Amino acid sequence: MTTTTWQYYTRNLSVETLKCKRTLVWWLAAGAPLFNAFIAFNVFYFKGHEIIKPGQDPWPYLMSNVLQVWALLFFPLTITLQSALYPAIEHQANTWKHVYSLAVPRWSVYAGKLTLFTALIVFTMVTLFALTEGVGALLGGLRPELGFARYTAHAVLARECSRLFLAALGIAAIQFYVGFRFRNFVLPAGFGLLMTVAAVTLMRWEHIYKFPYAWPMLTWLRRHVNPAFFTTEIALSLLVFVTVALFGYFETARRDVE
């Protein structure tokens, strides 16, 4: 019986899911947004009366507090750490020769790993969305005078989380390739940290829009200037994701495994 392309892909994706089942990657995917939401909850629980004026909708303030810090630091750094932890499953065990000796095409191995890595980022953003909603609901019960229970922001929050996810896909592709290509755990972690710090430092640079690690933050900062869902930063991010993913596949397909 001939194995189809789809079967190769789904089998490798299932294998990758099982490999990650008891690792830190899922804990990091949930822990990073939890930490961010925890900070936001404490800020508004103890200082909300100083931030929100009476009668104002408090949700924009909460979203700004959560998503701005997330877009600037937490999101790029989370992707960076994931790109170091996830490929380490194979690197540390030195099992690449075994993986590539199996009767499966190399493209399915690369595609399965990239898909799961992207799924981790999706899970992180969905978790952030749910936790932000939860923080607002909790504040609505514990601090009713802030007004969270009188307003909703489901659609706006979902839209902004989706836009940040798309704007970060370029970072994801770059970090995945670096982590996949090099065995050293420090290299993808250090590279991502360096690029994130550079993005924060150069945020006022006139050509910062060309820098992938700044795209999530630029997407958030320019949401009022350009209210369209697909912005230049998101379009560039998608282009980089596809380009780097294809480059990574072709480079992997012809590379000898030591």
Protein backbone atom coordinates (compact mmCIF):
# COMPACT_ATOMS: atom_id res chain seq x y z
CA MET A 1 0.00 0.00 0.00
CA THR A 2 1.40 3.38 -1.05
CA THR A 3 1.74 6.01 1.66
CA THR A 4 0.31 9.36 0.62
CA THR A 5 1.88 12.75 1.20
CA TRP A 6 -0.81 13.58 3.74
CA GLN A 7 -0.18 10.37 5.67
CA TYR A 8 3.54 11.09 5.87
CA TYR A 9 2.79 14.56 7.18
CA THR A 10 0.18 13.51 9.76
CA ARG A 11 2.32 10.63 11.04
CA ASN A 12 5.30 12.88 11.62
CA LEU A 13 3.11 15.50 13.26
CA SER A 14 1.74 12.83 15.62
CA VAL A 15 5.26 11.69 16.46
CA GLU A 16 6.34 15.26 17.19
CA THR A 17 3.33 15.77 19.45
CA LEU A 18 4.20 12.66 21.44
CA LYS A 19 7.83 13.75 21.78
CA CYS A 20 6.78 17.07 23.32
CA LYS A 21 4.13 15.61 25.60
CA ARG A 22 6.24 15.58 28.77
CA THR A 23 8.68 18.37 27.99
CA LEU A 24 8.94 21.99 29.09
CA VAL A 25 7.73 23.42 25.77
CA TRP A 26 4.03 23.21 26.66
CA TRP A 27 4.68 24.54 30.16
CA LEU A 28 6.49 27.53 28.66
CA ALA A 29 3.67 28.08 26.16
CA ALA A 30 1.21 28.35 29.05
CA GLY A 31 3.52 29.88 31.65
CA ALA A 32 4.63 32.96 29.71
CA PRO A 33 1.10 34.36 29.15
CA LEU A 34 0.16 33.36 32.71
CA PHE A 35 3.03 35.42 34.11
CA ASN A 36 2.08 38.38 31.91
CA ALA A 37 -1.56 38.17 32.95
CA PHE A 38 -0.59 37.84 36.62
CA ILE A 39 1.40 41.08 36.45
CA ALA A 40 -1.51 42.88 34.76
CA PHE A 41 -3.96 41.62 37.39
CA ASN A 42 -1.81 42.96 40.23
CA VAL A 43 -1.34 46.32 38.51
CA PHE A 44 -5.08 46.86 38.10
CA TYR A 45 -6.10 45.30 41.39
CA PHE A 46 -3.86 47.57 43.43
CA LYS A 47 -3.55 50.63 41.15
CA GLY A 48 -6.60 50.40 38.89
CA HIS A 49 -8.31 53.38 40.55
CA GLU A 50 -5.31 55.53 39.58
CA ILE A 51 -5.26 54.32 35.97
CA ILE A 52 -8.96 54.28 35.07
CA LYS A 53 -11.12 57.35 35.46
CA PRO A 54 -14.69 56.87 36.71
CA GLY A 55 -17.12 56.06 33.90
CA GLN A 56 -14.43 55.04 31.41
CA ASP A 57 -14.25 51.67 29.66
CA PRO A 58 -11.39 49.88 31.48
CA TRP A 59 -10.77 47.20 28.83
CA PRO A 60 -8.56 49.32 26.53
CA TYR A 61 -6.30 50.05 29.51
CA LEU A 62 -6.06 46.37 30.41
CA MET A 63 -5.39 45.31 26.81
CA SER A 64 -2.72 47.98 26.45
CA ASN A 65 -1.04 46.85 29.66
CA VAL A 66 -1.05 43.18 28.62
CA LEU A 67 -0.40 43.35 24.89
CA GLN A 68 2.19 46.12 24.78
CA VAL A 69 4.57 44.35 27.14
CA TRP A 70 3.76 41.07 25.41
CA ALA A 71 4.51 42.40 21.92
CA LEU A 72 7.69 44.18 22.97
CA LEU A 73 9.35 41.54 25.16
CA PHE A 74 7.43 38.49 26.32
CA PHE A 75 6.29 37.23 22.91
CA PRO A 76 9.67 37.42 21.09
CA LEU A 77 11.44 35.96 24.13
CA THR A 78 8.89 33.14 24.45
CA ILE A 79 9.39 32.21 20.79
CA THR A 80 13.15 32.40 21.35
CA LEU A 81 13.08 30.01 24.30
CA GLN A 82 10.75 27.64 22.45
CA SER A 83 13.16 27.58 19.50
CA ALA A 84 15.94 26.52 21.87
CA LEU A 85 13.94 23.97 23.88
CA TYR A 86 12.00 22.22 21.12
CA PRO A 87 14.87 21.20 18.78
CA ALA A 88 16.92 20.24 21.84
CA ILE A 89 14.76 17.11 22.11
CA GLU A 90 16.58 15.76 19.04
CA HIS A 91 19.90 17.54 19.53
CA GLN A 92 20.55 16.36 23.08
CA ALA A 93 19.73 12.74 22.31
CA ASN A 94 21.75 12.96 19.07
CA THR A 95 19.01 11.10 17.19
CA TRP A 96 19.13 12.95 13.85
CA LYS A 97 20.81 10.03 12.07
CA HIS A 98 18.07 7.73 13.31
CA VAL A 99 15.32 10.15 12.31
CA TYR A 100 16.66 10.58 8.79
CA SER A 101 17.33 6.86 8.40
CA LEU A 102 13.62 6.10 8.72
CA ALA A 103 11.59 5.39 5.61
CA VAL A 104 10.00 8.83 5.58
CA PRO A 105 10.80 11.81 3.36
CA ARG A 106 12.84 14.58 4.96
CA TRP A 107 10.26 17.19 4.04
CA SER A 108 7.70 15.49 6.29
CA VAL A 109 10.12 15.63 9.25
CA TYR A 110 10.77 19.34 8.74
CA ALA A 111 7.10 20.14 8.05
CA GLY A 112 5.92 18.23 11.11
CA LYS A 113 8.35 20.02 13.40
CA LEU A 114 7.56 23.46 11.95
CA THR A 115 3.82 22.81 12.24
CA LEU A 116 4.08 21.82 15.89
CA PHE A 117 6.34 24.78 16.62
CA THR A 118 3.75 27.09 15.05
CA ALA A 119 1.00 25.31 17.01
CA LEU A 120 2.88 26.09 20.22
CA ILE A 121 2.76 29.78 19.32
CA VAL A 122 -0.95 29.56 18.51
CA PHE A 123 -1.54 27.88 21.87
CA THR A 124 0.41 30.65 23.60
CA MET A 125 -1.71 33.38 21.99
CA VAL A 126 -4.99 31.57 22.69
CA THR A 127 -3.88 31.19 26.32
CA LEU A 128 -3.03 34.89 26.52
CA PHE A 129 -6.46 35.78 25.11
CA ALA A 130 -8.25 33.53 27.61
CA LEU A 131 -6.19 34.77 30.56
CA THR A 132 -6.74 38.42 29.66
CA GLU A 133 -10.48 37.77 29.52
CA GLY A 134 -10.16 35.99 32.85
CA VAL A 135 -8.27 38.87 34.44
CA GLY A 136 -10.98 41.28 33.33
CA ALA A 137 -13.74 39.03 34.67
CA LEU A 138 -11.90 38.55 37.97
CA LEU A 139 -11.36 42.28 38.36
CA GLY A 140 -15.02 42.82 37.56
CA GLY A 141 -15.90 40.72 40.58
CA LEU A 142 -13.18 41.83 42.98
CA ARG A 143 -13.01 45.49 41.98
CA PRO A 144 -16.51 46.31 40.61
CA GLU A 145 -15.86 50.05 40.84
CA LEU A 146 -13.37 49.73 37.96
CA GLY A 147 -16.21 48.88 35.60
CA PHE A 148 -14.94 45.71 33.89
CA ALA A 149 -18.31 44.00 34.30
CA ARG A 150 -20.12 46.83 32.47
CA TYR A 151 -18.14 46.50 29.23
CA THR A 152 -16.83 43.76 26.94
CA ALA A 153 -13.90 43.57 24.54
CA HIS A 154 -14.08 40.02 23.14
CA ALA A 155 -13.91 40.94 19.46
CA VAL A 156 -11.24 43.64 19.82
CA LEU A 157 -9.05 41.46 22.01
CA ALA A 158 -9.36 38.49 19.65
CA ARG A 159 -8.50 40.71 16.69
CA GLU A 160 -5.40 42.19 18.31
CA CYS A 161 -4.15 38.80 19.52
CA SER A 162 -4.58 37.44 15.98
CA ARG A 163 -2.68 40.37 14.49
CA LEU A 164 0.20 39.95 16.96
CA PHE A 165 0.39 36.25 16.14
CA LEU A 166 0.64 36.94 12.41
CA ALA A 167 3.20 39.71 12.97
CA ALA A 168 5.38 37.28 14.94
CA LEU A 169 5.41 34.49 12.34
CA GLY A 170 8.52 35.96 10.74
CA ILE A 171 10.34 35.72 14.08
CA ALA A 172 9.05 32.17 14.51
CA ALA A 173 10.42 31.01 11.16
CA ILE A 174 13.84 32.57 11.78
CA GLN A 175 14.13 31.20 15.30
CA PHE A 176 12.91 27.77 14.28
CA TYR A 177 15.52 27.52 11.55
CA VAL A 178 18.34 28.63 13.88
CA GLY A 179 17.26 26.15 16.56
CA PHE A 180 16.73 23.36 14.03
CA ARG A 181 20.02 23.94 12.22
CA PHE A 182 22.44 24.30 15.14
CA ARG A 183 22.91 21.91 18.04
CA ASN A 184 24.07 24.47 20.57
CA PHE A 185 21.17 25.39 22.89
CA VAL A 186 22.75 28.77 23.60
CA LEU A 187 22.86 29.84 19.96
CA PRO A 188 19.10 30.21 19.24
CA ALA A 189 18.50 31.55 22.76
CA GLY A 190 21.31 34.09 22.52
CA PHE A 191 20.47 35.09 18.96
CA GLY A 192 16.80 35.68 19.79
CA LEU A 193 17.65 37.63 22.93
CA LEU A 194 20.12 39.80 21.02
CA MET A 195 17.59 40.53 18.26
CA THR A 196 14.85 41.33 20.79
CA VAL A 197 17.09 43.75 22.67
CA ALA A 198 18.11 45.32 19.35
CA ALA A 199 14.45 45.78 18.39
CA VAL A 200 13.68 47.52 21.70
CA THR A 201 16.77 49.72 21.41
CA LEU A 202 16.15 50.69 17.78
CA MET A 203 12.41 51.26 18.06
CA ARG A 204 12.77 54.94 17.09
CA TRP A 205 14.98 54.13 14.09
CA GLU A 206 13.41 55.27 10.81
CA HIS A 207 14.04 51.87 9.20
CA ILE A 208 12.81 49.77 12.13
CA TYR A 209 9.91 48.51 10.00
CA LYS A 210 12.46 46.36 8.13
CA PHE A 211 13.43 44.51 11.31
CA PRO A 212 11.39 41.30 11.90
CA TYR A 213 11.76 41.32 15.68
CA ALA A 214 10.06 44.73 15.86
CA TRP A 215 7.00 43.77 13.81
CA PRO A 216 4.76 42.64 16.70
CA MET A 217 5.41 45.87 18.59
CA LEU A 218 4.94 48.02 15.48
CA THR A 219 1.67 46.23 14.74
CA TRP A 220 0.43 47.09 18.20
CA LEU A 221 1.69 50.70 18.25
CA ARG A 222 0.28 51.53 14.81
CA ARG A 223 -3.16 49.97 15.34
CA HIS A 224 -4.84 53.40 15.45
CA VAL A 225 -2.84 54.88 12.57
CA ASN A 226 -3.53 51.88 10.33
CA PRO A 227 -6.69 50.08 11.54
CA ALA A 228 -6.61 47.53 8.70
CA PHE A 229 -6.22 43.92 9.82
CA PHE A 230 -3.39 43.17 7.38
CA THR A 231 -0.69 45.77 7.78
CA THR A 232 2.72 46.09 6.13
CA GLU A 233 4.34 44.41 9.13
CA ILE A 234 1.98 41.44 8.96
CA ALA A 235 2.46 41.07 5.19
CA LEU A 236 6.25 41.12 5.62
CA SER A 237 6.00 38.64 8.49
CA LEU A 238 4.03 36.17 6.36
CA LEU A 239 6.49 36.61 3.49
CA VAL A 240 9.47 35.95 5.76
CA PHE A 241 7.74 32.92 7.28
CA VAL A 242 7.15 31.30 3.89
CA THR A 243 10.60 32.23 2.54
CA VAL A 244 12.57 31.02 5.57
CA ALA A 245 10.45 27.86 5.87
CA LEU A 246 11.16 26.94 2.24
CA PHE A 247 14.84 27.80 2.59
CA GLY A 248 15.05 25.69 5.74
CA TYR A 249 13.44 22.72 4.01
CA PHE A 250 15.71 22.80 0.96
CA GLU A 251 18.80 23.37 3.09
CA THR A 252 17.82 20.45 5.35
CA ALA A 253 17.03 18.14 2.43
CA ARG A 254 20.55 18.40 0.99
CA ARG A 255 22.52 18.59 4.25
CA ASP A 256 24.49 15.58 5.48
CA VAL A 257 23.77 14.60 9.07
CA GLU A 258 26.84 14.05 11.22
